[in-house]
PDB file of all heavy atoms in Angstrom:
ATOM      1  N   PHE A   1      18.181  13.885  25.392  1.00  0.00           N
ATOM      2  CA  PHE A   1      19.071  14.916  24.841  1.00  0.00           C
ATOM      3  C   PHE A   1      19.093  14.855  23.368  1.00  0.00           C
ATOM      4  O   PHE A   1      18.721  13.792  22.738  1.00  0.00           O
ATOM      5  CB  PHE A   1      20.506  14.733  25.449  1.00  0.00           C
ATOM      6  CG  PHE A   1      20.536  14.689  26.871  1.00  0.00           C
ATOM      7  CD1 PHE A   1      20.376  13.497  27.578  1.00  0.00           C
ATOM      8  CD2 PHE A   1      20.520  16.012  27.592  1.00  0.00           C
ATOM      9  CE1 PHE A   1      20.390  13.611  29.050  1.00  0.00           C
ATOM     10  CE2 PHE A   1      20.488  15.958  28.981  1.00  0.00           C
ATOM     11  CZ  PHE A   1      20.403  14.801  29.684  1.00  0.00           C
ATOM     12  N   SER A   2      19.506  15.944  22.654  1.00  0.00           N
ATOM     13  CA  SER A   2      19.637  16.002  21.284  1.00  0.00           C
ATOM     14  C   SER A   2      20.838  16.886  20.817  1.00  0.00           C
ATOM     15  O   SER A   2      21.536  17.398  21.720  1.00  0.00           O
ATOM     16  CB  SER A   2      18.304  16.608  20.606  1.00  0.00           C
ATOM     17  OG  SER A   2      18.365  16.439  19.250  1.00  0.00           O
ATOM     18  N   ILE A   3      21.039  17.031  19.654  1.00  0.00           N
ATOM     19  CA  ILE A   3      22.182  17.796  19.126  1.00  0.00           C
ATOM     20  C   ILE A   3      21.623  18.663  18.029  1.00  0.00           C
ATOM     21  O   ILE A   3      20.606  18.405  17.374  1.00  0.00           O
ATOM     22  CB  ILE A   3      23.335  16.918  18.664  1.00  0.00           C
ATOM     23  CG1 ILE A   3      23.027  16.092  17.405  1.00  0.00           C
ATOM     24  CG2 ILE A   3      23.837  16.036  19.779  1.00  0.00           C
ATOM     25  CD1 ILE A   3      24.185  15.338  16.848  1.00  0.00           C
ATOM     26  N   PRO A   4      22.392  19.826  17.638  1.00  0.00           N
ATOM     27  CA  PRO A   4      21.966  20.590  16.457  1.00  0.00           C
ATOM     28  C   PRO A   4      22.082  19.680  15.242  1.00  0.00           C
ATOM     29  O   PRO A   4      22.972  18.912  15.121  1.00  0.00           O
ATOM     30  CB  PRO A   4      23.068  21.668  16.419  1.00  0.00           C
ATOM     31  CG  PRO A   4      23.606  21.740  17.875  1.00  0.00           C
ATOM     32  CD  PRO A   4      23.510  20.361  18.422  1.00  0.00           C
ATOM     33  N   ALA A   5      21.144  19.864  14.349  1.00  0.00           N
ATOM     34  CA  ALA A   5      21.066  19.008  13.193  1.00  0.00           C
ATOM     35  C   ALA A   5      20.448  19.739  11.966  1.00  0.00           C
ATOM     36  O   ALA A   5      19.645  20.666  12.138  1.00  0.00           O
ATOM     37  CB  ALA A   5      20.296  17.764  13.413  1.00  0.00           C
ATOM     38  N   ALA A   6      20.941  19.435  10.817  1.00  0.00           N
ATOM     39  CA  ALA A   6      20.442  20.006   9.575  1.00  0.00           C
ATOM     40  C   ALA A   6      19.204  19.227   9.089  1.00  0.00           C
ATOM     41  O   ALA A   6      19.150  17.994   9.321  1.00  0.00           O
ATOM     42  CB  ALA A   6      21.522  20.002   8.486  1.00  0.00           C
ATOM     43  N   GLU A   7      18.297  19.852   8.395  1.00  0.00           N
ATOM     44  CA  GLU A   7      17.256  19.170   7.616  1.00  0.00           C
ATOM     45  C   GLU A   7      17.409  19.523   6.200  1.00  0.00           C
ATOM     46  O   GLU A   7      18.193  20.428   5.776  1.00  0.00           O
ATOM     47  CB  GLU A   7      15.849  19.515   8.069  1.00  0.00           C
ATOM     48  CG  GLU A   7      15.447  20.885   7.826  1.00  0.00           C
ATOM     49  CD  GLU A   7      13.948  21.146   8.200  1.00  0.00           C
ATOM     50  OE1 GLU A   7      13.376  20.362   8.989  1.00  0.00           O
ATOM     51  OE2 GLU A   7      13.286  22.118   7.643  1.00  0.00           O
ATOM     52  N   HIS A   8      16.686  18.885   5.350  1.00  0.00           N
ATOM     53  CA  HIS A   8      16.883  19.141   3.890  1.00  0.00           C
ATOM     54  C   HIS A   8      16.697  20.537   3.477  1.00  0.00           C
ATOM     55  O   HIS A   8      17.400  21.085   2.712  1.00  0.00           O
ATOM     56  CB  HIS A   8      15.995  18.186   3.079  1.00  0.00           C
ATOM     57  CG  HIS A   8      16.471  16.741   3.075  1.00  0.00           C
ATOM     58  ND1 HIS A   8      15.754  15.745   3.726  1.00  0.00           N
ATOM     59  CD2 HIS A   8      17.514  16.182   2.488  1.00  0.00           C
ATOM     60  CE1 HIS A   8      16.433  14.641   3.597  1.00  0.00           C
ATOM     61  NE2 HIS A   8      17.515  14.865   2.760  1.00  0.00           N
ATOM     62  N   SER A   9      15.694  21.246   4.232  1.00  0.00           N
ATOM     63  CA  SER A   9      15.379  22.638   3.807  1.00  0.00           C
ATOM     64  C   SER A   9      16.614  23.553   4.036  1.00  0.00           C
ATOM     65  O   SER A   9      16.887  24.470   3.277  1.00  0.00           O
ATOM     66  CB  SER A   9      14.212  23.159   4.566  1.00  0.00           C
ATOM     67  OG  SER A   9      14.503  23.464   5.889  1.00  0.00           O
ATOM     68  N   THR A  10      17.371  23.281   5.124  1.00  0.00           N
ATOM     69  CA  THR A  10      18.541  24.171   5.381  1.00  0.00           C
ATOM     70  C   THR A  10      19.714  23.790   4.467  1.00  0.00           C
ATOM     71  O   THR A  10      20.606  24.691   4.452  1.00  0.00           O
ATOM     72  CB  THR A  10      18.994  23.981   6.837  1.00  0.00           C
ATOM     73  OG1 THR A  10      19.498  22.639   7.116  1.00  0.00           O
ATOM     74  CG2 THR A  10      17.791  24.179   7.807  1.00  0.00           C
ATOM     75  N   ILE A  11      19.633  22.733   3.788  1.00  0.00           N
ATOM     76  CA  ILE A  11      20.668  22.394   2.810  1.00  0.00           C
ATOM     77  C   ILE A  11      20.318  22.806   1.384  1.00  0.00           C
ATOM     78  O   ILE A  11      21.028  23.530   0.755  1.00  0.00           O
ATOM     79  CB  ILE A  11      21.039  20.868   2.855  1.00  0.00           C
ATOM     80  CG1 ILE A  11      21.429  20.401   4.245  1.00  0.00           C
ATOM     81  CG2 ILE A  11      22.131  20.538   1.800  1.00  0.00           C
ATOM     82  CD1 ILE A  11      22.692  21.054   4.831  1.00  0.00           C
ATOM     83  N   ILE A  12      19.070  22.405   0.960  1.00  0.00           N
ATOM     84  CA  ILE A  12      18.716  22.718  -0.462  1.00  0.00           C
ATOM     85  C   ILE A  12      18.415  24.192  -0.673  1.00  0.00           C
ATOM     86  O   ILE A  12      18.389  24.609  -1.808  1.00  0.00           O
ATOM     87  CB  ILE A  12      17.566  21.775  -0.879  1.00  0.00           C
ATOM     88  CG1 ILE A  12      16.278  22.097  -0.091  1.00  0.00           C
ATOM     89  CG2 ILE A  12      17.966  20.326  -0.862  1.00  0.00           C
ATOM     90  CD1 ILE A  12      15.043  21.366  -0.638  1.00  0.00           C
ATOM     91  N   SER A  13      18.129  24.913   0.424  1.00  0.00           N
ATOM     92  CA  SER A  13      17.858  26.415   0.223  1.00  0.00           C
ATOM     93  C   SER A  13      19.115  27.076  -0.341  1.00  0.00           C
ATOM     94  O   SER A  13      18.945  28.274  -0.801  1.00  0.00           O
ATOM     95  CB  SER A  13      17.435  26.990   1.570  1.00  0.00           C
ATOM     96  OG  SER A  13      18.399  26.791   2.569  1.00  0.00           O
ATOM     97  N   TRP A  14      20.328  26.504  -0.282  1.00  0.00           N
ATOM     98  CA  TRP A  14      21.525  27.057  -0.853  1.00  0.00           C
ATOM     99  C   TRP A  14      21.596  26.761  -2.315  1.00  0.00           C
ATOM    100  O   TRP A  14      22.427  27.474  -3.049  1.00  0.00           O
ATOM    101  CB  TRP A  14      22.731  26.513  -0.153  1.00  0.00           C
ATOM    102  CG  TRP A  14      22.906  26.928   1.365  1.00  0.00           C
ATOM    103  CD1 TRP A  14      22.181  26.446   2.408  1.00  0.00           C
ATOM    104  CD2 TRP A  14      23.866  27.812   1.886  1.00  0.00           C
ATOM    105  NE1 TRP A  14      22.649  27.131   3.511  1.00  0.00           N
ATOM    106  CE2 TRP A  14      23.652  27.912   3.127  1.00  0.00           C
ATOM    107  CE3 TRP A  14      24.868  28.655   1.226  1.00  0.00           C
ATOM    108  CZ2 TRP A  14      24.382  28.770   4.036  1.00  0.00           C
ATOM    109  CZ3 TRP A  14      25.620  29.481   2.002  1.00  0.00           C
ATOM    110  CH2 TRP A  14      25.297  29.584   3.388  1.00  0.00           C
ATOM    111  N   GLY A  15      20.830  25.848  -2.810  1.00  0.00           N
ATOM    112  CA  GLY A  15      20.938  25.484  -4.231  1.00  0.00           C
ATOM    113  C   GLY A  15      21.904  24.346  -4.392  1.00  0.00           C
ATOM    114  O   GLY A  15      22.811  24.106  -3.637  1.00  0.00           O
ATOM    115  N   ARG A  16      21.693  23.540  -5.477  1.00  0.00           N
ATOM    116  CA  ARG A  16      22.470  22.364  -5.726  1.00  0.00           C
ATOM    117  C   ARG A  16      23.949  22.619  -5.817  1.00  0.00           C
ATOM    118  O   ARG A  16      24.799  21.913  -5.350  1.00  0.00           O
ATOM    119  CB  ARG A  16      21.921  21.599  -6.970  1.00  0.00           C
ATOM    120  CG  ARG A  16      22.682  20.327  -7.178  1.00  0.00           C
ATOM    121  CD  ARG A  16      21.965  19.452  -8.188  1.00  0.00           C
ATOM    122  NE  ARG A  16      22.563  18.131  -8.218  1.00  0.00           N
ATOM    123  CZ  ARG A  16      21.937  17.022  -8.474  1.00  0.00           C
ATOM    124  NH1 ARG A  16      20.651  17.021  -8.816  1.00  0.00           N
ATOM    125  NH2 ARG A  16      22.577  15.813  -8.490  1.00  0.00           N
ATOM    126  N   SER A  17      24.355  23.765  -6.418  1.00  0.00           N
ATOM    127  CA  SER A  17      25.674  23.980  -6.711  1.00  0.00           C
ATOM    128  C   SER A  17      26.498  24.430  -5.456  1.00  0.00           C
ATOM    129  O   SER A  17      27.647  24.586  -5.461  1.00  0.00           O
ATOM    130  CB  SER A  17      25.878  25.046  -7.785  1.00  0.00           C
ATOM    131  OG  SER A  17      25.287  26.290  -7.364  1.00  0.00           O
ATOM    132  N   ARG A  18      25.687  24.756  -4.380  1.00  0.00           N
ATOM    133  CA  ARG A  18      26.381  25.303  -3.110  1.00  0.00           C
ATOM    134  C   ARG A  18      26.192  24.359  -1.972  1.00  0.00           C
ATOM    135  O   ARG A  18      26.172  24.814  -0.862  1.00  0.00           O
ATOM    136  CB  ARG A  18      25.776  26.696  -2.816  1.00  0.00           C
ATOM    137  CG  ARG A  18      25.970  27.729  -3.965  1.00  0.00           C
ATOM    138  CD  ARG A  18      25.386  29.051  -3.665  1.00  0.00           C
ATOM    139  NE  ARG A  18      26.044  29.675  -2.524  1.00  0.00           N
ATOM    140  CZ  ARG A  18      25.563  30.667  -1.791  1.00  0.00           C
ATOM    141  NH1 ARG A  18      24.329  30.985  -1.870  1.00  0.00           N
ATOM    142  NH2 ARG A  18      26.272  31.234  -0.791  1.00  0.00           N
ATOM    143  N   GLU A  19      26.092  23.065  -2.226  1.00  0.00           N
ATOM    144  CA  GLU A  19      25.949  22.123  -1.176  1.00  0.00           C
ATOM    145  C   GLU A  19      27.201  22.144  -0.140  1.00  0.00           C
ATOM    146  O   GLU A  19      27.034  22.119   1.079  1.00  0.00           O
ATOM    147  CB  GLU A  19      25.794  20.669  -1.656  1.00  0.00           C
ATOM    148  CG  GLU A  19      25.471  19.659  -0.567  1.00  0.00           C
ATOM    149  CD  GLU A  19      25.225  18.274  -1.159  1.00  0.00           C
ATOM    150  OE1 GLU A  19      25.688  17.973  -2.172  1.00  0.00           O
ATOM    151  OE2 GLU A  19      24.412  17.494  -0.482  1.00  0.00           O
ATOM    152  N   LYS A  20      28.380  22.429  -0.754  1.00  0.00           N
ATOM    153  CA  LYS A  20      29.577  22.528   0.088  1.00  0.00           C
ATOM    154  C   LYS A  20      29.366  23.719   1.087  1.00  0.00           C
ATOM    155  O   LYS A  20      29.753  23.651   2.299  1.00  0.00           O
ATOM    156  CB  LYS A  20      30.915  22.811  -0.758  1.00  0.00           C
ATOM    157  CG  LYS A  20      32.067  23.201   0.086  1.00  0.00           C
ATOM    158  CD  LYS A  20      33.192  23.574  -0.829  1.00  0.00           C
ATOM    159  CE  LYS A  20      34.276  24.186  -0.019  1.00  0.00           C
ATOM    160  NZ  LYS A  20      33.980  25.562   0.453  1.00  0.00           N
ATOM    161  N   GLU A  21      28.911  24.880   0.547  1.00  0.00           N
ATOM    162  CA  GLU A  21      28.725  26.076   1.489  1.00  0.00           C
ATOM    163  C   GLU A  21      27.698  25.803   2.446  1.00  0.00           C
ATOM    164  O   GLU A  21      27.767  26.264   3.599  1.00  0.00           O
ATOM    165  CB  GLU A  21      28.263  27.263   0.570  1.00  0.00           C
ATOM    166  CG  GLU A  21      29.430  27.883  -0.244  1.00  0.00           C
ATOM    167  CD  GLU A  21      29.665  27.143  -1.645  1.00  0.00           C
ATOM    168  OE1 GLU A  21      29.123  26.019  -1.810  1.00  0.00           O
ATOM    169  OE2 GLU A  21      30.306  27.657  -2.456  1.00  0.00           O
ATOM    170  N   ALA A  22      26.626  25.007   2.131  1.00  0.00           N
ATOM    171  CA  ALA A  22      25.634  24.664   3.133  1.00  0.00           C
ATOM    172  C   ALA A  22      26.198  23.886   4.211  1.00  0.00           C
ATOM    173  O   ALA A  22      25.981  24.189   5.435  1.00  0.00           O
ATOM    174  CB  ALA A  22      24.508  23.859   2.440  1.00  0.00           C
ATOM    175  N   PHE A  23      27.009  22.849   3.924  1.00  0.00           N
ATOM    176  CA  PHE A  23      27.684  22.052   4.904  1.00  0.00           C
ATOM    177  C   PHE A  23      28.657  22.902   5.797  1.00  0.00           C
ATOM    178  O   PHE A  23      28.649  22.804   7.020  1.00  0.00           O
ATOM    179  CB  PHE A  23      28.517  20.911   4.279  1.00  0.00           C
ATOM    180  CG  PHE A  23      27.607  19.844   3.589  1.00  0.00           C
ATOM    181  CD1 PHE A  23      28.245  18.824   2.831  1.00  0.00           C
ATOM    182  CD2 PHE A  23      26.278  19.786   3.807  1.00  0.00           C
ATOM    183  CE1 PHE A  23      27.582  17.832   2.249  1.00  0.00           C
ATOM    184  CE2 PHE A  23      25.558  18.833   3.167  1.00  0.00           C
ATOM    185  CZ  PHE A  23      26.191  17.828   2.374  1.00  0.00           C
ATOM    186  N   GLU A  24      29.373  23.786   5.126  1.00  0.00           N
ATOM    187  CA  GLU A  24      30.362  24.547   5.843  1.00  0.00           C
ATOM    188  C   GLU A  24      29.664  25.571   6.792  1.00  0.00           C
ATOM    189  O   GLU A  24      30.162  25.740   7.926  1.00  0.00           O
ATOM    190  CB  GLU A  24      31.179  25.425   4.747  1.00  0.00           C
ATOM    191  CG  GLU A  24      32.490  25.907   5.375  1.00  0.00           C
ATOM    192  CD  GLU A  24      33.496  26.291   4.251  1.00  0.00           C
ATOM    193  OE1 GLU A  24      33.041  26.525   3.098  1.00  0.00           O
ATOM    194  OE2 GLU A  24      34.637  26.414   4.639  1.00  0.00           O
TER     195      GLU A  24
END
């Protein structure tokens, strides 16, 4: 089994200033 998970591309594609929005 596994769970949904983020990788760096799905986080950094928002840009450094929007890391909070990426997490949200």
